[in-house]
Amino acid sequence: MKKIKDDPQTRFWVTTCKYCGSTFIKFQNATKYCSDKCRDYSTLEHTEKRVRKHRKKHRSQTDSYWGLGSGYLHGTPKNDFKEERKAIMMERRRLKLPAK
């Protein structure tokens, strides 16, 4: 980071964007990104990494939430046989399993 002027009225720095690496002029010391678009994309990437890490950590603890049964099937069967069969067929379709 290079300081161009020392006058407090026109203080700015030439620096590089943390996301895309392009050179830009910043007027505040806390600025990290050259545009709102770069800031938003960086936030999305950070959130994606955080969510993946969370899911990987908790996947084994909550298999019922992440795996089979998270769609149309629930812990208790339906009272009507036709509704239960329909739920099973929808779950098969969701999981792309062949029908018998």
C-alpha atoms as a PDB file:
ATOM      1  CA  MET A   1       0.000   0.000   0.000  1.00  0.00           C
ATOM      2  CA  LYS A   2       1.516   3.314  -1.150  1.00  0.00           C
ATOM      3  CA  LYS A   3       0.486   6.640   0.317  1.00  0.00           C
ATOM      4  CA  ILE A   4       0.175   9.230  -2.481  1.00  0.00           C
ATOM      5  CA  LYS A   5      -0.576  12.464  -0.631  1.00  0.00           C
ATOM      6  CA  ASP A   6      -0.128  13.414   3.003  1.00  0.00           C
ATOM      7  CA  ASP A   7      -2.622  16.280   3.041  1.00  0.00           C
ATOM      8  CA  PRO A   8      -5.612  15.259   5.253  1.00  0.00           C
ATOM      9  CA  GLN A   9      -8.100  16.798   2.807  1.00  0.00           C
ATOM     10  CA  THR A  10      -6.949  14.669  -0.146  1.00  0.00           C
ATOM     11  CA  ARG A  11      -5.559  11.521   1.481  1.00  0.00           C
ATOM     12  CA  PHE A  12      -5.856   8.391  -0.656  1.00  0.00           C
ATOM     13  CA  TRP A  13      -3.930   5.188  -1.326  1.00  0.00           C
ATOM     14  CA  VAL A  14      -3.305   3.013  -4.359  1.00  0.00           C
ATOM     15  CA  THR A  15      -3.902  -0.639  -3.431  1.00  0.00           C
ATOM     16  CA  THR A  16      -5.069  -3.950  -4.893  1.00  0.00           C
ATOM     17  CA  CYS A  17      -8.476  -5.571  -4.557  1.00  0.00           C
ATOM     18  CA  LYS A  18      -8.571  -8.580  -2.202  1.00  0.00           C
ATOM     19  CA  TYR A  19     -10.964 -10.427  -4.551  1.00  0.00           C
ATOM     20  CA  CYS A  20      -9.972  -9.728  -8.162  1.00  0.00           C
ATOM     21  CA  GLY A  21      -6.456  -8.328  -7.686  1.00  0.00           C
ATOM     22  CA  SER A  22      -6.991  -5.168  -9.742  1.00  0.00           C
ATOM     23  CA  THR A  23      -5.396  -1.882  -8.698  1.00  0.00           C
ATOM     24  CA  PHE A  24      -7.694   0.853  -7.384  1.00  0.00           C
ATOM     25  CA  ILE A  25      -7.630   4.039  -5.314  1.00  0.00           C
ATOM     26  CA  LYS A  26      -9.113   3.866  -1.822  1.00  0.00           C
ATOM     27  CA  PHE A  27     -10.073   6.844   0.312  1.00  0.00           C
ATOM     28  CA  GLN A  28     -10.718   4.953   3.554  1.00  0.00           C
ATOM     29  CA  ASN A  29      -8.245   2.714   5.315  1.00  0.00           C
ATOM     30  CA  ALA A  30     -10.777  -0.114   5.809  1.00  0.00           C
ATOM     31  CA  THR A  31     -11.649  -0.502   2.103  1.00  0.00           C
ATOM     32  CA  LYS A  32     -10.601  -3.940   0.792  1.00  0.00           C
ATOM     33  CA  TYR A  33     -12.471  -4.322  -2.504  1.00  0.00           C
ATOM     34  CA  CYS A  34     -12.527  -2.237  -5.673  1.00  0.00           C
ATOM     35  CA  SER A  35     -16.315  -2.418  -6.092  1.00  0.00           C
ATOM     36  CA  ASP A  36     -19.539  -3.576  -4.475  1.00  0.00           C
ATOM     37  CA  LYS A  37     -19.605  -6.486  -6.912  1.00  0.00           C
ATOM     38  CA  CYS A  38     -16.223  -7.798  -5.704  1.00  0.00           C
ATOM     39  CA  ARG A  39     -17.318  -7.387  -2.075  1.00  0.00           C
ATOM     40  CA  ASP A  40     -20.551  -9.307  -2.730  1.00  0.00           C
ATOM     41  CA  TYR A  41     -18.776 -12.148  -4.572  1.00  0.00           C
ATOM     42  CA  SER A  42     -16.212 -12.418  -1.795  1.00  0.00           C
ATOM     43  CA  THR A  43     -18.988 -12.618   0.795  1.00  0.00           C
ATOM     44  CA  LEU A  44     -20.736 -15.350  -1.215  1.00  0.00           C
ATOM     45  CA  GLU A  45     -17.547 -17.405  -1.458  1.00  0.00           C
ATOM     46  CA  HIS A  46     -16.862 -17.046   2.255  1.00  0.00           C
ATOM     47  CA  THR A  47     -20.432 -18.069   3.112  1.00  0.00           C
ATOM     48  CA  GLU A  48     -20.231 -21.065   0.776  1.00  0.00           C
ATOM     49  CA  LYS A  49     -17.018 -22.292   2.426  1.00  0.00           C
ATOM     50  CA  ARG A  50     -18.487 -21.808   5.896  1.00  0.00           C
ATOM     51  CA  VAL A  51     -21.688 -23.703   5.047  1.00  0.00           C
ATOM     52  CA  ARG A  52     -19.752 -26.588   3.447  1.00  0.00           C
ATOM     53  CA  LYS A  53     -17.567 -26.864   6.539  1.00  0.00           C
ATOM     54  CA  HIS A  54     -20.644 -26.853   8.804  1.00  0.00           C
ATOM     55  CA  ARG A  55     -22.423 -29.509   6.741  1.00  0.00           C
ATOM     56  CA  LYS A  56     -19.338 -31.722   6.628  1.00  0.00           C
ATOM     57  CA  LYS A  57     -18.947 -31.449  10.400  1.00  0.00           C
ATOM     58  CA  HIS A  58     -22.585 -32.222  11.218  1.00  0.00           C
ATOM     59  CA  ARG A  59     -23.460 -34.668   8.421  1.00  0.00           C
ATOM     60  CA  SER A  60     -22.669 -37.791  10.452  1.00  0.00           C
ATOM     61  CA  GLN A  61     -24.649 -36.536  13.447  1.00  0.00           C
ATOM     62  CA  THR A  62     -27.835 -35.846  11.489  1.00  0.00           C
ATOM     63  CA  ASP A  63     -27.985 -38.485   8.753  1.00  0.00           C
ATOM     64  CA  SER A  64     -31.776 -38.415   8.785  1.00  0.00           C
ATOM     65  CA  TYR A  65     -31.708 -34.712   7.945  1.00  0.00           C
ATOM     66  CA  TRP A  66     -29.166 -34.935   5.101  1.00  0.00           C
ATOM     67  CA  GLY A  67     -29.976 -38.321   3.639  1.00  0.00           C
ATOM     68  CA  LEU A  68     -32.911 -40.603   3.082  1.00  0.00           C
ATOM     69  CA  GLY A  69     -36.183 -39.410   4.495  1.00  0.00           C
ATOM     70  CA  SER A  70     -35.472 -35.722   4.230  1.00  0.00           C
ATOM     71  CA  GLY A  71     -37.995 -35.351   1.438  1.00  0.00           C
ATOM     72  CA  TYR A  72     -41.459 -36.838   1.451  1.00  0.00           C
ATOM     73  CA  LEU A  73     -41.035 -39.573   4.082  1.00  0.00           C
ATOM     74  CA  HIS A  74     -41.368 -38.840   7.782  1.00  0.00           C
ATOM     75  CA  GLY A  75     -40.844 -40.729  11.040  1.00  0.00           C
ATOM     76  CA  THR A  76     -44.432 -41.969  11.287  1.00  0.00           C
ATOM     77  CA  PRO A  77     -46.294 -43.655   8.424  1.00  0.00           C
ATOM     78  CA  LYS A  78     -49.503 -42.209   7.065  1.00  0.00           C
ATOM     79  CA  ASN A  79     -52.819 -43.810   8.052  1.00  0.00           C
ATOM     80  CA  ASP A  80     -54.025 -44.145   4.471  1.00  0.00           C
ATOM     81  CA  PHE A  81     -52.154 -46.791   2.455  1.00  0.00           C
ATOM     82  CA  LYS A  82     -52.561 -44.887  -0.836  1.00  0.00           C
ATOM     83  CA  GLU A  83     -51.058 -41.699   0.624  1.00  0.00           C
ATOM     84  CA  GLU A  84     -48.126 -43.659   2.074  1.00  0.00           C
ATOM     85  CA  ARG A  85     -47.489 -45.354  -1.289  1.00  0.00           C
ATOM     86  CA  LYS A  86     -47.629 -41.980  -3.058  1.00  0.00           C
ATOM     87  CA  ALA A  87     -45.079 -40.531  -0.587  1.00  0.00           C
ATOM     88  CA  ILE A  88     -42.761 -43.514  -1.149  1.00  0.00           C
ATOM     89  CA  MET A  89     -42.991 -43.164  -4.931  1.00  0.00           C
ATOM     90  CA  MET A  90     -42.275 -39.424  -4.734  1.00  0.00           C
ATOM     91  CA  GLU A  91     -39.233 -40.142  -2.547  1.00  0.00           C
ATOM     92  CA  ARG A  92     -38.019 -42.715  -5.080  1.00  0.00           C
ATOM     93  CA  ARG A  93     -38.388 -40.188  -7.867  1.00  0.00           C
ATOM     94  CA  ARG A  94     -36.537 -37.549  -5.827  1.00  0.00           C
ATOM     95  CA  LEU A  95     -33.645 -39.955  -5.217  1.00  0.00           C
ATOM     96  CA  LYS A  96     -33.755 -41.152  -8.861  1.00  0.00           C
ATOM     97  CA  LEU A  97     -34.249 -44.792  -7.865  1.00  0.00           C
ATOM     98  CA  PRO A  98     -35.844 -47.201 -10.352  1.00  0.00           C
ATOM     99  CA  ALA A  99     -39.470 -48.148  -9.758  1.00  0.00           C
ATOM    100  CA  LYS A 100     -40.258 -51.845  -9.263  1.00  0.00           C
END
